[in-house]
Each structure stands twice: as C-alpha cells, then as structure tokens.
Amino acid sequence: MTKKILLAMHGEELNMEKVIEQTLVLSSETNGEITVLNIKENNLIHYGEVDTLLTFTAKEKFIDYVGEMANEKAQQALQQFTKKAEEKGITFHWKTREGKPAIEIIDEIKEGGYDLLVLGTKEPGPGNTSSKVKEKVANEHPITVLMVK
C-alpha cells in the first residue's frame, strides 16, 4: 500500500495539471502522505554552450538568470499544487534540496522511506536531463516510479 508519496517537480512539466491530479488522487485513495520535492540544480556550468561561448562574467550572469527562472517555475508549481491540494483538503510537505537532481531524489527516497515516486515529463531539447534522471533513479533504487504523461 502506498503510504508515502514523493512528487519530484521542477515546474517545467508539460503535464503539470495531470501530475498534480494523479498525485492527489493517489493520496486520497490510499490516505498517503505527500512530499513535494524541488531540486535547485547547483552545477549549471554545463548548461548548453555556456563554457565555450561566454566570458566568465557573462557566464555567471547567465547561470544566475537560469537559476532565477528555475526558482520562479518552482514557486509557480508550488502555488499550483497548494491550490489544488487545498481544494481537496489534502495536506503535504514541501522540500527543496540543492544538487544534481538524480542524486538528490535518490537521497530523499532513502531518507524518507517513500513507497512511490511520481514524476512528470519535460519538453525534449538541449540541456534536458530528465530521462537520465529517471533512468538513474530507476536503476539505483527499488521504488515504484509513476511517470505521468
């Protein structure tokens, strides 16, 4: 039975409404506890062609900009999830971790003893490491993973 649900969201899910709805339905049907996890990626040097195209100062500004955009998307995701959860009377915990997404998700799973990991999908494109994160989590931890398309 699913008692502890971990929803890892970054705010760029193509299917945010469906991800939120599925998580809330699972929680209400199983009386499961939800933790919503956002990971602030801290090593954005690899982002696109940043290393080869920009000066050090410009690179720092670009990385700061990308970080700010990620924070905005995370806040929007939190607001959207909070609104839907409140409508259904479901409480949840919000956590933010900093680091590489796959490693932070795996660490959170280990520390929190979750039964289920819920993930959305992201637009394909350069810099999208979403499928690598899913593969690493699936290969390195025996947890049920629900990918919502």
C-alpha atoms as a PDB file:
ATOM      1  CA  MET A   1       0.000   0.000   0.000  1.00  0.00           C
ATOM      2  CA  THR A   2       1.242   3.487  -0.847  1.00  0.00           C
ATOM      3  CA  LYS A   3       1.674   5.438   2.360  1.00  0.00           C
ATOM      4  CA  LYS A   4       4.486   7.842   1.480  1.00  0.00           C
ATOM      5  CA  ILE A   5       4.446   9.571  -1.896  1.00  0.00           C
ATOM      6  CA  LEU A   6       7.323  11.655  -3.215  1.00  0.00           C
ATOM      7  CA  LEU A   7       6.454  14.031  -6.036  1.00  0.00           C
ATOM      8  CA  ALA A   8       9.578  15.492  -7.632  1.00  0.00           C
ATOM      9  CA  MET A   9       8.603  18.645  -9.546  1.00  0.00           C
ATOM     10  CA  HIS A  10      10.713  21.255 -11.280  1.00  0.00           C
ATOM     11  CA  GLY A  11       7.946  23.435 -12.656  1.00  0.00           C
ATOM     12  CA  GLU A  12       8.639  22.676 -16.308  1.00  0.00           C
ATOM     13  CA  GLU A  13       6.407  19.620 -16.589  1.00  0.00           C
ATOM     14  CA  LEU A  14       4.410  19.562 -19.806  1.00  0.00           C
ATOM     15  CA  ASN A  15       1.585  17.924 -17.939  1.00  0.00           C
ATOM     16  CA  MET A  16       1.572  19.781 -14.614  1.00  0.00           C
ATOM     17  CA  GLU A  17      -2.212  19.523 -14.149  1.00  0.00           C
ATOM     18  CA  LYS A  18      -2.185  15.760 -14.705  1.00  0.00           C
ATOM     19  CA  VAL A  19       0.839  15.237 -12.445  1.00  0.00           C
ATOM     20  CA  ILE A  20      -0.821  17.160  -9.625  1.00  0.00           C
ATOM     21  CA  GLU A  21      -4.191  15.474 -10.130  1.00  0.00           C
ATOM     22  CA  GLN A  22      -2.747  11.940 -10.199  1.00  0.00           C
ATOM     23  CA  THR A  23      -0.699  12.568  -7.063  1.00  0.00           C
ATOM     24  CA  LEU A  24      -3.675  13.963  -5.184  1.00  0.00           C
ATOM     25  CA  VAL A  25      -5.939  11.103  -6.303  1.00  0.00           C
ATOM     26  CA  LEU A  26      -3.395   8.527  -5.153  1.00  0.00           C
ATOM     27  CA  SER A  27      -3.017  10.286  -1.834  1.00  0.00           C
ATOM     28  CA  SER A  28      -6.748  10.485  -1.201  1.00  0.00           C
ATOM     29  CA  GLU A  29      -7.368   6.861  -2.227  1.00  0.00           C
ATOM     30  CA  THR A  30      -4.582   5.452  -0.054  1.00  0.00           C
ATOM     31  CA  ASN A  31      -4.538   8.087   2.686  1.00  0.00           C
ATOM     32  CA  GLY A  32      -0.911   8.557   1.660  1.00  0.00           C
ATOM     33  CA  GLU A  33       1.359  11.340   2.837  1.00  0.00           C
ATOM     34  CA  ILE A  34       2.727  13.578   0.061  1.00  0.00           C
ATOM     35  CA  THR A  35       6.092  15.286  -0.022  1.00  0.00           C
ATOM     36  CA  VAL A  36       6.670  17.630  -2.952  1.00  0.00           C
ATOM     37  CA  LEU A  37      10.362  17.920  -3.722  1.00  0.00           C
ATOM     38  CA  ASN A  38      12.019  20.644  -5.745  1.00  0.00           C
ATOM     39  CA  ILE A  39      15.703  20.408  -6.552  1.00  0.00           C
ATOM     40  CA  LYS A  40      17.745  23.505  -7.170  1.00  0.00           C
ATOM     41  CA  GLU A  41      20.423  22.342  -9.547  1.00  0.00           C
ATOM     42  CA  ASN A  42      23.718  23.878  -8.437  1.00  0.00           C
ATOM     43  CA  ASN A  43      26.129  22.997 -11.225  1.00  0.00           C
ATOM     44  CA  LEU A  44      24.760  24.795 -14.252  1.00  0.00           C
ATOM     45  CA  ILE A  45      28.135  25.319 -15.918  1.00  0.00           C
ATOM     46  CA  HIS A  46      27.204  22.507 -18.325  1.00  0.00           C
ATOM     47  CA  TYR A  47      24.120  24.399 -19.491  1.00  0.00           C
ATOM     48  CA  GLY A  48      24.208  24.467 -23.286  1.00  0.00           C
ATOM     49  CA  GLU A  49      27.301  26.084 -24.768  1.00  0.00           C
ATOM     50  CA  VAL A  50      27.924  28.329 -21.767  1.00  0.00           C
ATOM     51  CA  ASP A  51      31.515  27.182 -21.250  1.00  0.00           C
ATOM     52  CA  THR A  52      32.710  27.884 -24.754  1.00  0.00           C
ATOM     53  CA  LEU A  53      30.681  30.921 -25.800  1.00  0.00           C
ATOM     54  CA  LEU A  54      30.698  33.305 -22.856  1.00  0.00           C
ATOM     55  CA  THR A  55      33.230  35.216 -20.804  1.00  0.00           C
ATOM     56  CA  PHE A  56      33.435  34.376 -17.098  1.00  0.00           C
ATOM     57  CA  THR A  57      31.299  37.387 -16.078  1.00  0.00           C
ATOM     58  CA  ALA A  58      28.694  36.747 -18.766  1.00  0.00           C
ATOM     59  CA  LYS A  59      28.614  33.058 -17.842  1.00  0.00           C
ATOM     60  CA  GLU A  60      27.990  33.909 -14.168  1.00  0.00           C
ATOM     61  CA  LYS A  61      25.152  36.275 -15.136  1.00  0.00           C
ATOM     62  CA  PHE A  62      23.623  33.672 -17.431  1.00  0.00           C
ATOM     63  CA  ILE A  63      23.806  30.976 -14.740  1.00  0.00           C
ATOM     64  CA  ASP A  64      22.207  33.386 -12.238  1.00  0.00           C
ATOM     65  CA  TYR A  65      19.445  34.090 -14.772  1.00  0.00           C
ATOM     66  CA  VAL A  66      18.791  30.382 -15.326  1.00  0.00           C
ATOM     67  CA  GLY A  67      18.685  29.878 -11.557  1.00  0.00           C
ATOM     68  CA  GLU A  68      16.189  32.723 -11.124  1.00  0.00           C
ATOM     69  CA  MET A  69      13.969  31.279 -13.855  1.00  0.00           C
ATOM     70  CA  ALA A  70      14.080  27.861 -12.179  1.00  0.00           C
ATOM     71  CA  ASN A  71      13.125  29.428  -8.835  1.00  0.00           C
ATOM     72  CA  GLU A  72      10.165  31.204 -10.463  1.00  0.00           C
ATOM     73  CA  LYS A  73       8.954  27.978 -12.063  1.00  0.00           C
ATOM     74  CA  ALA A  74       9.329  26.126  -8.753  1.00  0.00           C
ATOM     75  CA  GLN A  75       7.255  28.791  -6.979  1.00  0.00           C
ATOM     76  CA  GLN A  76       4.561  28.582  -9.663  1.00  0.00           C
ATOM     77  CA  ALA A  77       4.484  24.792  -9.282  1.00  0.00           C
ATOM     78  CA  LEU A  78       4.183  25.107  -5.510  1.00  0.00           C
ATOM     79  CA  GLN A  79       1.338  27.607  -5.824  1.00  0.00           C
ATOM     80  CA  GLN A  80      -0.487  25.406  -8.313  1.00  0.00           C
ATOM     81  CA  PHE A  81      -0.051  22.300  -6.172  1.00  0.00           C
ATOM     82  CA  THR A  82      -1.049  24.153  -2.993  1.00  0.00           C
ATOM     83  CA  LYS A  83      -4.243  25.462  -4.579  1.00  0.00           C
ATOM     84  CA  LYS A  84      -5.320  22.015  -5.832  1.00  0.00           C
ATOM     85  CA  ALA A  85      -4.386  20.292  -2.559  1.00  0.00           C
ATOM     86  CA  GLU A  86      -6.318  22.847  -0.508  1.00  0.00           C
ATOM     87  CA  GLU A  87      -9.381  22.382  -2.746  1.00  0.00           C
ATOM     88  CA  LYS A  88      -9.283  18.660  -1.928  1.00  0.00           C
ATOM     89  CA  GLY A  89      -8.369  19.117   1.731  1.00  0.00           C
ATOM     90  CA  ILE A  90      -5.051  17.290   1.337  1.00  0.00           C
ATOM     91  CA  THR A  91      -2.013  18.359   3.330  1.00  0.00           C
ATOM     92  CA  PHE A  92       1.523  17.922   2.075  1.00  0.00           C
ATOM     93  CA  HIS A  93       5.122  18.790   2.820  1.00  0.00           C
ATOM     94  CA  TRP A  94       7.311  20.925   0.552  1.00  0.00           C
ATOM     95  CA  LYS A  95      11.054  20.338   0.431  1.00  0.00           C
ATOM     96  CA  THR A  96      13.846  21.938  -1.519  1.00  0.00           C
ATOM     97  CA  ARG A  97      17.225  20.302  -1.982  1.00  0.00           C
ATOM     98  CA  GLU A  98      20.263  21.549  -3.828  1.00  0.00           C
ATOM     99  CA  GLY A  99      22.481  19.457  -6.083  1.00  0.00           C
ATOM    100  CA  LYS A 100      22.208  17.078  -9.007  1.00  0.00           C
ATOM    101  CA  PRO A 101      18.563  16.033  -9.473  1.00  0.00           C
ATOM    102  CA  ALA A 102      19.044  12.246  -9.664  1.00  0.00           C
ATOM    103  CA  ILE A 103      21.324  12.146  -6.631  1.00  0.00           C
ATOM    104  CA  GLU A 104      19.054  14.404  -4.574  1.00  0.00           C
ATOM    105  CA  ILE A 105      15.939  12.396  -5.474  1.00  0.00           C
ATOM    106  CA  ILE A 106      17.669   9.132  -4.542  1.00  0.00           C
ATOM    107  CA  ASP A 107      18.942  10.611  -1.265  1.00  0.00           C
ATOM    108  CA  GLU A 108      15.464  11.888  -0.412  1.00  0.00           C
ATOM    109  CA  ILE A 109      13.949   8.471  -1.184  1.00  0.00           C
ATOM    110  CA  LYS A 110      16.453   6.783   1.113  1.00  0.00           C
ATOM    111  CA  GLU A 111      16.000   9.301   3.915  1.00  0.00           C
ATOM    112  CA  GLY A 112      12.217   9.500   3.670  1.00  0.00           C
ATOM    113  CA  GLY A 113      11.334   5.838   3.148  1.00  0.00           C
ATOM    114  CA  TYR A 114       8.909   6.590   0.305  1.00  0.00           C
ATOM    115  CA  ASP A 115       6.776   3.936  -1.384  1.00  0.00           C
ATOM    116  CA  LEU A 116       6.140   5.798  -4.626  1.00  0.00           C
ATOM    117  CA  LEU A 117       7.941   8.403  -6.726  1.00  0.00           C
ATOM    118  CA  VAL A 118       5.787  10.494  -9.077  1.00  0.00           C
ATOM    119  CA  LEU A 119       7.455  12.310 -11.981  1.00  0.00           C
ATOM    120  CA  GLY A 120       6.164  14.330 -14.901  1.00  0.00           C
ATOM    121  CA  THR A 121       7.644  14.740 -18.349  1.00  0.00           C
ATOM    122  CA  LYS A 122       9.562  17.680 -19.758  1.00  0.00           C
ATOM    123  CA  GLU A 123       9.884  19.144 -23.241  1.00  0.00           C
ATOM    124  CA  PRO A 124      12.673  17.387 -25.157  1.00  0.00           C
ATOM    125  CA  GLY A 125      15.592  19.601 -26.054  1.00  0.00           C
ATOM    126  CA  PRO A 126      19.198  20.548 -25.341  1.00  0.00           C
ATOM    127  CA  GLY A 127      20.040  20.566 -21.667  1.00  0.00           C
ATOM    128  CA  ASN A 128      17.065  18.348 -20.805  1.00  0.00           C
ATOM    129  CA  THR A 129      18.467  15.699 -18.471  1.00  0.00           C
ATOM    130  CA  SER A 130      15.028  14.483 -17.405  1.00  0.00           C
ATOM    131  CA  SER A 131      15.309  10.986 -18.939  1.00  0.00           C
ATOM    132  CA  LYS A 132      18.793  10.498 -17.445  1.00  0.00           C
ATOM    133  CA  VAL A 133      17.417  11.364 -14.009  1.00  0.00           C
ATOM    134  CA  LYS A 134      14.569   8.861 -14.384  1.00  0.00           C
ATOM    135  CA  GLU A 135      16.952   6.122 -15.562  1.00  0.00           C
ATOM    136  CA  LYS A 136      19.373   6.710 -12.688  1.00  0.00           C
ATOM    137  CA  VAL A 137      16.598   6.677 -10.076  1.00  0.00           C
ATOM    138  CA  ALA A 138      15.013   3.541 -11.549  1.00  0.00           C
ATOM    139  CA  ASN A 139      18.361   1.739 -11.741  1.00  0.00           C
ATOM    140  CA  GLU A 140      19.713   2.734  -8.343  1.00  0.00           C
ATOM    141  CA  HIS A 141      16.719   2.461  -6.043  1.00  0.00           C
ATOM    142  CA  PRO A 142      13.981  -0.175  -5.775  1.00  0.00           C
ATOM    143  CA  ILE A 143      10.996   2.170  -5.650  1.00  0.00           C
ATOM    144  CA  THR A 144       7.848   2.211  -7.718  1.00  0.00           C
ATOM    145  CA  VAL A 145       8.010   5.111 -10.162  1.00  0.00           C
ATOM    146  CA  LEU A 146       4.896   6.598 -11.706  1.00  0.00           C
ATOM    147  CA  MET A 147       5.625   8.720 -14.762  1.00  0.00           C
ATOM    148  CA  VAL A 148       2.639  10.831 -15.709  1.00  0.00           C
ATOM    149  CA  LYS A 149       2.454  11.770 -19.395  1.00  0.00           C
END
